[in-house]
């Protein structure tokens, strides 16, 4: 069984990070963003080859990607405001 929204969130996060160089890219911050974003959107699970095909087709749906983008942007703000690592982060000032 796989949640295909995880793939969408990871893709969207990488796209957002390309245009937002100020966000911390440490593994802990990126993982926190993914986990927070996934908790805010509906999962899309598949456990069979047919279900996998439908899930992959749905990944390209504009609304699915928009929902993922919104969740990632909110998660980025939350993680930037309260990072769980010890080093400095850049995106805390507005």
PDB file of N, CA and C in Angstrom:
ATOM      1  N   UNK A   1       0.851  -1.165   0.000  1.00  0.00           N
ATOM      2  CA  UNK A   1       0.000   0.000   0.000  1.00  0.00           C
ATOM      3  C   UNK A   1       0.899   1.231   0.000  1.00  0.00           C
ATOM      4  N   UNK A   2       0.480   2.249  -0.773  1.00  0.00           N
ATOM      5  CA  UNK A   2       1.284   3.462  -0.901  1.00  0.00           C
ATOM      6  C   UNK A   2       0.367   4.679  -0.979  1.00  0.00           C
ATOM      7  N   UNK A   3       0.769   5.738  -0.302  1.00  0.00           N
ATOM      8  CA  UNK A   3       0.065   7.015  -0.398  1.00  0.00           C
ATOM      9  C   UNK A   3       0.746   7.818  -1.507  1.00  0.00           C
ATOM     10  N   UNK A   4       0.075   7.963  -2.626  1.00  0.00           N
ATOM     11  CA  UNK A   4       0.672   8.655  -3.753  1.00  0.00           C
ATOM     12  C   UNK A   4       0.706  10.161  -3.570  1.00  0.00           C
ATOM     13  N   UNK A   5       0.019  10.675  -2.586  1.00  0.00           N
ATOM     14  CA  UNK A   5       0.120  12.101  -2.297  1.00  0.00           C
ATOM     15  C   UNK A   5       1.507  12.443  -1.766  1.00  0.00           C
ATOM     16  N   UNK A   6       2.177  11.475  -1.188  1.00  0.00           N
ATOM     17  CA  UNK A   6       3.547  11.723  -0.738  1.00  0.00           C
ATOM     18  C   UNK A   6       4.435  12.089  -1.927  1.00  0.00           C
ATOM     19  N   UNK A   7       4.270  11.396  -3.041  1.00  0.00           N
ATOM     20  CA  UNK A   7       5.042  11.718  -4.244  1.00  0.00           C
ATOM     21  C   UNK A   7       4.732  13.129  -4.731  1.00  0.00           C
ATOM     22  N   UNK A   8       3.447  13.496  -4.716  1.00  0.00           N
ATOM     23  CA  UNK A   8       3.048  14.828  -5.161  1.00  0.00           C
ATOM     24  C   UNK A   8       3.643  15.890  -4.246  1.00  0.00           C
ATOM     25  N   UNK A   9       3.564  15.691  -2.936  1.00  0.00           N
ATOM     26  CA  UNK A   9       4.098  16.655  -1.981  1.00  0.00           C
ATOM     27  C   UNK A   9       5.615  16.802  -2.152  1.00  0.00           C
ATOM     28  N   UNK A  10       6.308  15.708  -2.348  1.00  0.00           N
ATOM     29  CA  UNK A  10       7.758  15.776  -2.553  1.00  0.00           C
ATOM     30  C   UNK A  10       8.109  16.543  -3.830  1.00  0.00           C
ATOM     31  N   UNK A  11       7.366  16.298  -4.905  1.00  0.00           N
ATOM     32  CA  UNK A  11       7.600  17.027  -6.157  1.00  0.00           C
ATOM     33  C   UNK A  11       7.344  18.520  -5.969  1.00  0.00           C
ATOM     34  N   UNK A  12       6.222  18.849  -5.352  1.00  0.00           N
ATOM     35  CA  UNK A  12       5.863  20.252  -5.142  1.00  0.00           C
ATOM     36  C   UNK A  12       6.887  20.929  -4.234  1.00  0.00           C
ATOM     37  N   UNK A  13       7.329  20.244  -3.192  1.00  0.00           N
ATOM     38  CA  UNK A  13       8.332  20.818  -2.291  1.00  0.00           C
ATOM     39  C   UNK A  13       9.606  21.162  -3.050  1.00  0.00           C
ATOM     40  N   UNK A  14      10.072  20.270  -3.887  1.00  0.00           N
ATOM     41  CA  UNK A  14      11.295  20.546  -4.656  1.00  0.00           C
ATOM     42  C   UNK A  14      11.104  21.744  -5.588  1.00  0.00           C
ATOM     43  N   UNK A  15       9.936  21.860  -6.195  1.00  0.00           N
ATOM     44  CA  UNK A  15       9.648  23.006  -7.060  1.00  0.00           C
ATOM     45  C   UNK A  15       9.644  24.302  -6.259  1.00  0.00           C
ATOM     46  N   UNK A  16       9.038  24.267  -5.077  1.00  0.00           N
ATOM     47  CA  UNK A  16       8.963  25.465  -4.234  1.00  0.00           C
ATOM     48  C   UNK A  16      10.352  25.848  -3.731  1.00  0.00           C
ATOM     49  N   UNK A  17      11.153  24.883  -3.376  1.00  0.00           N
ATOM     50  CA  UNK A  17      12.501  25.178  -2.881  1.00  0.00           C
ATOM     51  C   UNK A  17      13.379  25.812  -3.956  1.00  0.00           C
ATOM     52  N   UNK A  18      13.124  25.490  -5.205  1.00  0.00           N
ATOM     53  CA  UNK A  18      13.901  26.089  -6.294  1.00  0.00           C
ATOM     54  C   UNK A  18      13.667  27.594  -6.397  1.00  0.00           C
ATOM     55  N   UNK A  19      12.468  28.030  -6.074  1.00  0.00           N
ATOM     56  CA  UNK A  19      12.160  29.462  -6.160  1.00  0.00           C
ATOM     57  C   UNK A  19      12.205  30.148  -4.805  1.00  0.00           C
ATOM     58  N   UNK A  20      12.521  29.420  -3.753  1.00  0.00           N
ATOM     59  CA  UNK A  20      12.589  29.969  -2.409  1.00  0.00           C
ATOM     60  C   UNK A  20      13.917  29.566  -1.767  1.00  0.00           C
ATOM     61  N   UNK A  21      14.989  30.217  -2.166  1.00  0.00           N
ATOM     62  CA  UNK A  21      16.320  29.813  -1.686  1.00  0.00           C
ATOM     63  C   UNK A  21      16.567  30.088  -0.205  1.00  0.00           C
ATOM     64  N   UNK A  22      15.705  30.869   0.446  1.00  0.00           N
ATOM     65  CA  UNK A  22      15.933  31.223   1.847  1.00  0.00           C
ATOM     66  C   UNK A  22      15.509  30.151   2.838  1.00  0.00           C
ATOM     67  N   UNK A  23      14.732  29.182   2.396  1.00  0.00           N
ATOM     68  CA  UNK A  23      14.265  28.161   3.326  1.00  0.00           C
ATOM     69  C   UNK A  23      15.376  27.161   3.627  1.00  0.00           C
ATOM     70  N   UNK A  24      15.476  26.761   4.875  1.00  0.00           N
ATOM     71  CA  UNK A  24      16.465  25.769   5.295  1.00  0.00           C
ATOM     72  C   UNK A  24      16.218  24.446   4.569  1.00  0.00           C
ATOM     73  N   UNK A  25      17.282  23.861   4.064  1.00  0.00           N
ATOM     74  CA  UNK A  25      17.167  22.613   3.309  1.00  0.00           C
ATOM     75  C   UNK A  25      17.720  21.403   4.063  1.00  0.00           C
ATOM     76  N   UNK A  26      17.871  21.538   5.354  1.00  0.00           N
ATOM     77  CA  UNK A  26      18.375  20.407   6.118  1.00  0.00           C
ATOM     78  C   UNK A  26      17.330  19.291   6.078  1.00  0.00           C
ATOM     79  N   UNK A  27      17.760  18.045   6.194  1.00  0.00           N
ATOM     80  CA  UNK A  27      16.822  16.919   6.101  1.00  0.00           C
ATOM     81  C   UNK A  27      15.676  17.001   7.119  1.00  0.00           C
ATOM     82  N   UNK A  28      15.952  17.491   8.323  1.00  0.00           N
ATOM     83  CA  UNK A  28      14.911  17.552   9.351  1.00  0.00           C
ATOM     84  C   UNK A  28      13.822  18.552   8.963  1.00  0.00           C
ATOM     85  N   UNK A  29      14.204  19.722   8.456  1.00  0.00           N
ATOM     86  CA  UNK A  29      13.210  20.729   8.063  1.00  0.00           C
ATOM     87  C   UNK A  29      12.391  20.245   6.864  1.00  0.00           C
ATOM     88  N   UNK A  30      13.063  19.650   5.885  1.00  0.00           N
ATOM     89  CA  UNK A  30      12.335  19.148   4.716  1.00  0.00           C
ATOM     90  C   UNK A  30      11.365  18.039   5.116  1.00  0.00           C
ATOM     91  N   UNK A  31      11.795  17.151   5.990  1.00  0.00           N
ATOM     92  CA  UNK A  31      10.922  16.071   6.442  1.00  0.00           C
ATOM     93  C   UNK A  31       9.731  16.626   7.217  1.00  0.00           C
ATOM     94  N   UNK A  32       9.973  17.638   8.045  1.00  0.00           N
ATOM     95  CA  UNK A  32       8.879  18.238   8.794  1.00  0.00           C
ATOM     96  C   UNK A  32       7.853  18.866   7.847  1.00  0.00           C
ATOM     97  N   UNK A  33       8.323  19.534   6.805  1.00  0.00           N
ATOM     98  CA  UNK A  33       7.413  20.138   5.833  1.00  0.00           C
ATOM     99  C   UNK A  33       6.551  19.061   5.177  1.00  0.00           C
ATOM    100  N   UNK A  34       7.181  17.971   4.758  1.00  0.00           N
ATOM    101  CA  UNK A  34       6.443  16.888   4.102  1.00  0.00           C
ATOM    102  C   UNK A  34       5.402  16.302   5.051  1.00  0.00           C
ATOM    103  N   UNK A  35       5.791  16.033   6.275  1.00  0.00           N
ATOM    104  CA  UNK A  35       4.857  15.432   7.235  1.00  0.00           C
ATOM    105  C   UNK A  35       3.692  16.358   7.559  1.00  0.00           C
ATOM    106  N   UNK A  36       3.965  17.627   7.743  1.00  0.00           N
ATOM    107  CA  UNK A  36       2.895  18.582   8.039  1.00  0.00           C
ATOM    108  C   UNK A  36       1.965  18.713   6.841  1.00  0.00           C
ATOM    109  N   UNK A  37       2.538  18.837   5.651  1.00  0.00           N
ATOM    110  CA  UNK A  37       1.723  18.973   4.445  1.00  0.00           C
ATOM    111  C   UNK A  37       0.839  17.745   4.240  1.00  0.00           C
ATOM    112  N   UNK A  38       1.400  16.560   4.424  1.00  0.00           N
ATOM    113  CA  UNK A  38       0.619  15.336   4.244  1.00  0.00           C
ATOM    114  C   UNK A  38      -0.513  15.232   5.259  1.00  0.00           C
ATOM    115  N   UNK A  39      -0.312  15.781   6.438  1.00  0.00           N
ATOM    116  CA  UNK A  39      -1.367  15.719   7.453  1.00  0.00           C
ATOM    117  C   UNK A  39      -2.533  16.650   7.124  1.00  0.00           C
ATOM    118  N   UNK A  40      -2.317  17.607   6.217  1.00  0.00           N
ATOM    119  CA  UNK A  40      -3.350  18.583   5.881  1.00  0.00           C
ATOM    120  C   UNK A  40      -4.159  18.204   4.643  1.00  0.00           C
ATOM    121  N   UNK A  41      -3.733  17.197   3.897  1.00  0.00           N
ATOM    122  CA  UNK A  41      -4.437  16.841   2.668  1.00  0.00           C
ATOM    123  C   UNK A  41      -4.888  15.390   2.709  1.00  0.00           C
ATOM    124  N   UNK A  42      -5.868  15.094   1.908  1.00  0.00           N
ATOM    125  CA  UNK A  42      -6.426  13.752   1.855  1.00  0.00           C
ATOM    126  C   UNK A  42      -5.444  12.808   1.157  1.00  0.00           C
ATOM    127  N   UNK A  43      -5.203  11.663   1.764  1.00  0.00           N
ATOM    128  CA  UNK A  43      -4.315  10.674   1.178  1.00  0.00           C
ATOM    129  C   UNK A  43      -4.953   9.983  -0.014  1.00  0.00           C
ATOM    130  N   UNK A  44      -4.142   9.542  -0.949  1.00  0.00           N
ATOM    131  CA  UNK A  44      -4.592   8.777  -2.113  1.00  0.00           C
ATOM    132  C   UNK A  44      -3.799   7.472  -2.096  1.00  0.00           C
ATOM    133  N   UNK A  45      -4.446   6.399  -1.684  1.00  0.00           N
ATOM    134  CA  UNK A  45      -3.767   5.133  -1.478  1.00  0.00           C
ATOM    135  C   UNK A  45      -4.088   4.150  -2.595  1.00  0.00           C
ATOM    136  N   UNK A  46      -3.127   3.287  -2.862  1.00  0.00           N
ATOM    137  CA  UNK A  46      -3.331   2.216  -3.835  1.00  0.00           C
ATOM    138  C   UNK A  46      -2.642   0.965  -3.306  1.00  0.00           C
ATOM    139  N   UNK A  47      -3.299  -0.164  -3.538  1.00  0.00           N
ATOM    140  CA  UNK A  47      -2.701  -1.428  -3.093  1.00  0.00           C
ATOM    141  C   UNK A  47      -2.697  -2.469  -4.202  1.00  0.00           C
ATOM    142  N   UNK A  48      -3.121  -2.076  -5.398  1.00  0.00           N
ATOM    143  CA  UNK A  48      -3.133  -3.009  -6.524  1.00  0.00           C
ATOM    144  C   UNK A  48      -2.590  -2.297  -7.752  1.00  0.00           C
ATOM    145  N   UNK A  49      -2.197  -3.035  -8.771  1.00  0.00           N
ATOM    146  CA  UNK A  49      -1.703  -2.396  -9.992  1.00  0.00           C
ATOM    147  C   UNK A  49      -2.729  -1.461 -10.636  1.00  0.00           C
ATOM    148  N   UNK A  50      -3.997  -1.833 -10.619  1.00  0.00           N
ATOM    149  CA  UNK A  50      -5.037  -0.971 -11.189  1.00  0.00           C
ATOM    150  C   UNK A  50      -5.187   0.304 -10.355  1.00  0.00           C
ATOM    151  N   UNK A  51      -5.192   0.155  -9.045  1.00  0.00           N
ATOM    152  CA  UNK A  51      -5.266   1.317  -8.162  1.00  0.00           C
ATOM    153  C   UNK A  51      -4.067   2.223  -8.332  1.00  0.00           C
ATOM    154  N   UNK A  52      -2.915   1.636  -8.564  1.00  0.00           N
ATOM    155  CA  UNK A  52      -1.692   2.413  -8.778  1.00  0.00           C
ATOM    156  C   UNK A  52      -1.818   3.262 -10.042  1.00  0.00           C
ATOM    157  N   UNK A  53      -2.394   2.714 -11.080  1.00  0.00           N
ATOM    158  CA  UNK A  53      -2.577   3.463 -12.327  1.00  0.00           C
ATOM    159  C   UNK A  53      -3.489   4.660 -12.089  1.00  0.00           C
ATOM    160  N   UNK A  54      -4.606   4.421 -11.405  1.00  0.00           N
ATOM    161  CA  UNK A  54      -5.523   5.526 -11.122  1.00  0.00           C
ATOM    162  C   UNK A  54      -4.863   6.586 -10.241  1.00  0.00           C
ATOM    163  N   UNK A  55      -4.108   6.157  -9.269  1.00  0.00           N
ATOM    164  CA  UNK A  55      -3.433   7.106  -8.375  1.00  0.00           C
ATOM    165  C   UNK A  55      -2.415   7.938  -9.136  1.00  0.00           C
ATOM    166  N   UNK A  56      -1.682   7.323 -10.045  1.00  0.00           N
ATOM    167  CA  UNK A  56      -0.686   8.068 -10.841  1.00  0.00           C
ATOM    168  C   UNK A  56      -1.356   9.066 -11.777  1.00  0.00           C
ATOM    169  N   UNK A  57      -2.467   8.691 -12.357  1.00  0.00           N
ATOM    170  CA  UNK A  57      -3.197   9.620 -13.226  1.00  0.00           C
ATOM    171  C   UNK A  57      -3.692  10.802 -12.398  1.00  0.00           C
ATOM    172  N   UNK A  58      -4.189  10.532 -11.218  1.00  0.00           N
ATOM    173  CA  UNK A  58      -4.707  11.582 -10.357  1.00  0.00           C
ATOM    174  C   UNK A  58      -3.606  12.539  -9.897  1.00  0.00           C
ATOM    175  N   UNK A  59      -2.364  12.068  -9.836  1.00  0.00           N
ATOM    176  CA  UNK A  59      -1.250  12.917  -9.416  1.00  0.00           C
ATOM    177  C   UNK A  59      -1.100  14.130 -10.317  1.00  0.00           C
ATOM    178  N   UNK A  60      -1.445  14.004 -11.570  1.00  0.00           N
ATOM    179  CA  UNK A  60      -1.286  15.117 -12.503  1.00  0.00           C
ATOM    180  C   UNK A  60      -2.493  16.048 -12.504  1.00  0.00           C
ATOM    181  N   UNK A  61      -3.532  15.723 -11.762  1.00  0.00           N
ATOM    182  CA  UNK A  61      -4.725  16.560 -11.673  1.00  0.00           C
ATOM    183  C   UNK A  61      -4.356  17.920 -11.087  1.00  0.00           C
ATOM    184  N   UNK A  62      -4.845  18.963 -11.708  1.00  0.00           N
ATOM    185  CA  UNK A  62      -4.493  20.332 -11.307  1.00  0.00           C
ATOM    186  C   UNK A  62      -4.932  20.643  -9.877  1.00  0.00           C
ATOM    187  N   UNK A  63      -6.134  20.192  -9.495  1.00  0.00           N
ATOM    188  CA  UNK A  63      -6.620  20.469  -8.139  1.00  0.00           C
ATOM    189  C   UNK A  63      -5.794  19.729  -7.093  1.00  0.00           C
ATOM    190  N   UNK A  64      -5.385  18.512  -7.397  1.00  0.00           N
ATOM    191  CA  UNK A  64      -4.556  17.736  -6.467  1.00  0.00           C
ATOM    192  C   UNK A  64      -3.234  18.456  -6.230  1.00  0.00           C
ATOM    193  N   UNK A  65      -2.621  18.952  -7.302  1.00  0.00           N
ATOM    194  CA  UNK A  65      -1.352  19.661  -7.170  1.00  0.00           C
ATOM    195  C   UNK A  65      -1.537  21.009  -6.457  1.00  0.00           C
ATOM    196  N   UNK A  66      -2.661  21.664  -6.708  1.00  0.00           N
ATOM    197  CA  UNK A  66      -2.940  22.930  -6.031  1.00  0.00           C
ATOM    198  C   UNK A  66      -3.106  22.711  -4.534  1.00  0.00           C
ATOM    199  N   UNK A  67      -3.839  21.675  -4.166  1.00  0.00           N
ATOM    200  CA  UNK A  67      -4.001  21.344  -2.743  1.00  0.00           C
ATOM    201  C   UNK A  67      -2.652  21.052  -2.100  1.00  0.00           C
ATOM    202  N   UNK A  68      -1.806  20.316  -2.811  1.00  0.00           N
ATOM    203  CA  UNK A  68      -0.477  19.987  -2.292  1.00  0.00           C
ATOM    204  C   UNK A  68       0.369  21.244  -2.151  1.00  0.00           C
ATOM    205  N   UNK A  69       0.298  22.148  -3.128  1.00  0.00           N
ATOM    206  CA  UNK A  69       1.069  23.389  -3.073  1.00  0.00           C
ATOM    207  C   UNK A  69       0.643  24.231  -1.877  1.00  0.00           C
ATOM    208  N   UNK A  70      -0.641  24.364  -1.664  1.00  0.00           N
ATOM    209  CA  UNK A  70      -1.131  25.132  -0.524  1.00  0.00           C
ATOM    210  C   UNK A  70      -0.648  24.522   0.797  1.00  0.00           C
ATOM    211  N   UNK A  71      -0.748  23.209   0.911  1.00  0.00           N
ATOM    212  CA  UNK A  71      -0.301  22.530   2.133  1.00  0.00           C
ATOM    213  C   UNK A  71       1.200  22.697   2.345  1.00  0.00           C
ATOM    214  N   UNK A  72       1.977  22.609   1.273  1.00  0.00           N
ATOM    215  CA  UNK A  72       3.439  22.768   1.380  1.00  0.00           C
ATOM    216  C   UNK A  72       3.788  24.196   1.790  1.00  0.00           C
ATOM    217  N   UNK A  73       3.128  25.183   1.201  1.00  0.00           N
ATOM    218  CA  UNK A  73       3.432  26.571   1.549  1.00  0.00           C
ATOM    219  C   UNK A  73       3.104  26.856   3.022  1.00  0.00           C
ATOM    220  N   UNK A  74       1.986  26.344   3.501  1.00  0.00           N
ATOM    221  CA  UNK A  74       1.638  26.522   4.910  1.00  0.00           C
ATOM    222  C   UNK A  74       2.645  25.807   5.811  1.00  0.00           C
ATOM    223  N   UNK A  75       3.057  24.626   5.404  1.00  0.00           N
ATOM    224  CA  UNK A  75       4.031  23.862   6.192  1.00  0.00           C
ATOM    225  C   UNK A  75       5.385  24.562   6.205  1.00  0.00           C
ATOM    226  N   UNK A  76       5.791  25.140   5.073  1.00  0.00           N
ATOM    227  CA  UNK A  76       7.055  25.885   5.020  1.00  0.00           C
ATOM    228  C   UNK A  76       7.052  27.033   6.023  1.00  0.00           C
ATOM    229  N   UNK A  77       5.959  27.767   6.064  1.00  0.00           N
ATOM    230  CA  UNK A  77       5.866  28.880   7.009  1.00  0.00           C
ATOM    231  C   UNK A  77       5.940  28.393   8.449  1.00  0.00           C
ATOM    232  N   UNK A  78       5.245  27.307   8.734  1.00  0.00           N
ATOM    233  CA  UNK A  78       5.231  26.761  10.095  1.00  0.00           C
ATOM    234  C   UNK A  78       6.618  26.274  10.506  1.00  0.00           C
ATOM    235  N   UNK A  79       7.279  25.552   9.641  1.00  0.00           N
ATOM    236  CA  UNK A  79       8.609  25.021   9.969  1.00  0.00           C
ATOM    237  C   UNK A  79       9.632  26.152  10.072  1.00  0.00           C
ATOM    238  N   UNK A  80       9.522  27.139   9.206  1.00  0.00           N
ATOM    239  CA  UNK A  80      10.452  28.269   9.268  1.00  0.00           C
ATOM    240  C   UNK A  80      10.287  29.045  10.572  1.00  0.00           C
ATOM    241  N   UNK A  81       9.056  29.149  11.039  1.00  0.00           N
ATOM    242  CA  UNK A  81       8.800  29.883  12.275  1.00  0.00           C
ATOM    243  C   UNK A  81       9.271  29.111  13.507  1.00  0.00           C
ATOM    244  N   UNK A  82       9.182  27.787  13.436  1.00  0.00           N
ATOM    245  CA  UNK A  82       9.545  26.949  14.584  1.00  0.00           C
ATOM    246  C   UNK A  82      10.391  25.755  14.142  1.00  0.00           C
ATOM    247  N   UNK A  83      11.622  26.000  13.663  1.00  0.00           N
ATOM    248  CA  UNK A  83      12.463  24.873  13.228  1.00  0.00           C
ATOM    249  C   UNK A  83      12.861  24.000  14.416  1.00  0.00           C
ATOM    250  N   UNK A  84      13.012  22.721  14.154  1.00  0.00           N
ATOM    251  CA  UNK A  84      13.376  21.794  15.230  1.00  0.00           C
ATOM    252  C   UNK A  84      14.869  21.473  15.254  1.00  0.00           C
ATOM    253  N   UNK A  85      15.655  22.130  14.439  1.00  0.00           N
ATOM    254  CA  UNK A  85      17.096  21.883  14.441  1.00  0.00           C
ATOM    255  C   UNK A  85      17.807  22.983  15.211  1.00  0.00           C
ATOM    256  N   UNK A  86      19.075  22.787  15.508  1.00  0.00           N
ATOM    257  CA  UNK A  86      19.810  23.737  16.339  1.00  0.00           C
ATOM    258  C   UNK A  86      20.424  24.880  15.566  1.00  0.00           C
ATOM    259  N   UNK A  87      20.670  24.681  14.278  1.00  0.00           N
ATOM    260  CA  UNK A  87      21.328  25.709  13.474  1.00  0.00           C
ATOM    261  C   UNK A  87      20.388  26.832  13.098  1.00  0.00           C
ATOM    262  N   UNK A  88      20.944  27.904  12.510  1.00  0.00           N
ATOM    263  CA  UNK A  88      20.107  29.039  12.107  1.00  0.00           C
ATOM    264  C   UNK A  88      19.242  28.671  10.907  1.00  0.00           C
ATOM    265  N   UNK A  89      18.132  29.357  10.810  1.00  0.00           N
ATOM    266  CA  UNK A  89      17.262  29.230   9.638  1.00  0.00           C
ATOM    267  C   UNK A  89      17.061  30.624   9.070  1.00  0.00           C
ATOM    268  N   UNK A  90      16.772  30.736   7.798  1.00  0.00           N
ATOM    269  CA  UNK A  90      16.733  32.038   7.155  1.00  0.00           C
ATOM    270  C   UNK A  90      15.329  32.609   6.977  1.00  0.00           C
ATOM    271  N   UNK A  91      14.313  31.791   6.837  1.00  0.00           N
ATOM    272  CA  UNK A  91      13.000  32.267   6.423  1.00  0.00           C
ATOM    273  C   UNK A  91      12.117  32.671   7.597  1.00  0.00           C
ATOM    274  N   UNK A  92      12.693  33.023   8.722  1.00  0.00           N
ATOM    275  CA  UNK A  92      11.884  33.352   9.898  1.00  0.00           C
ATOM    276  C   UNK A  92      11.442  34.802   9.897  1.00  0.00           C
ATOM    277  N   UNK A  93      12.094  35.676   9.147  1.00  0.00           N
ATOM    278  CA  UNK A  93      11.715  37.080   9.123  1.00  0.00           C
ATOM    279  C   UNK A  93      10.777  37.321   7.957  1.00  0.00           C
ATOM    280  N   UNK A  94       9.804  38.222   8.181  1.00  0.00           N
ATOM    281  CA  UNK A  94       8.859  38.560   7.113  1.00  0.00           C
ATOM    282  C   UNK A  94       8.961  40.016   6.775  1.00  0.00           C
TER     283      UNK A  94
END
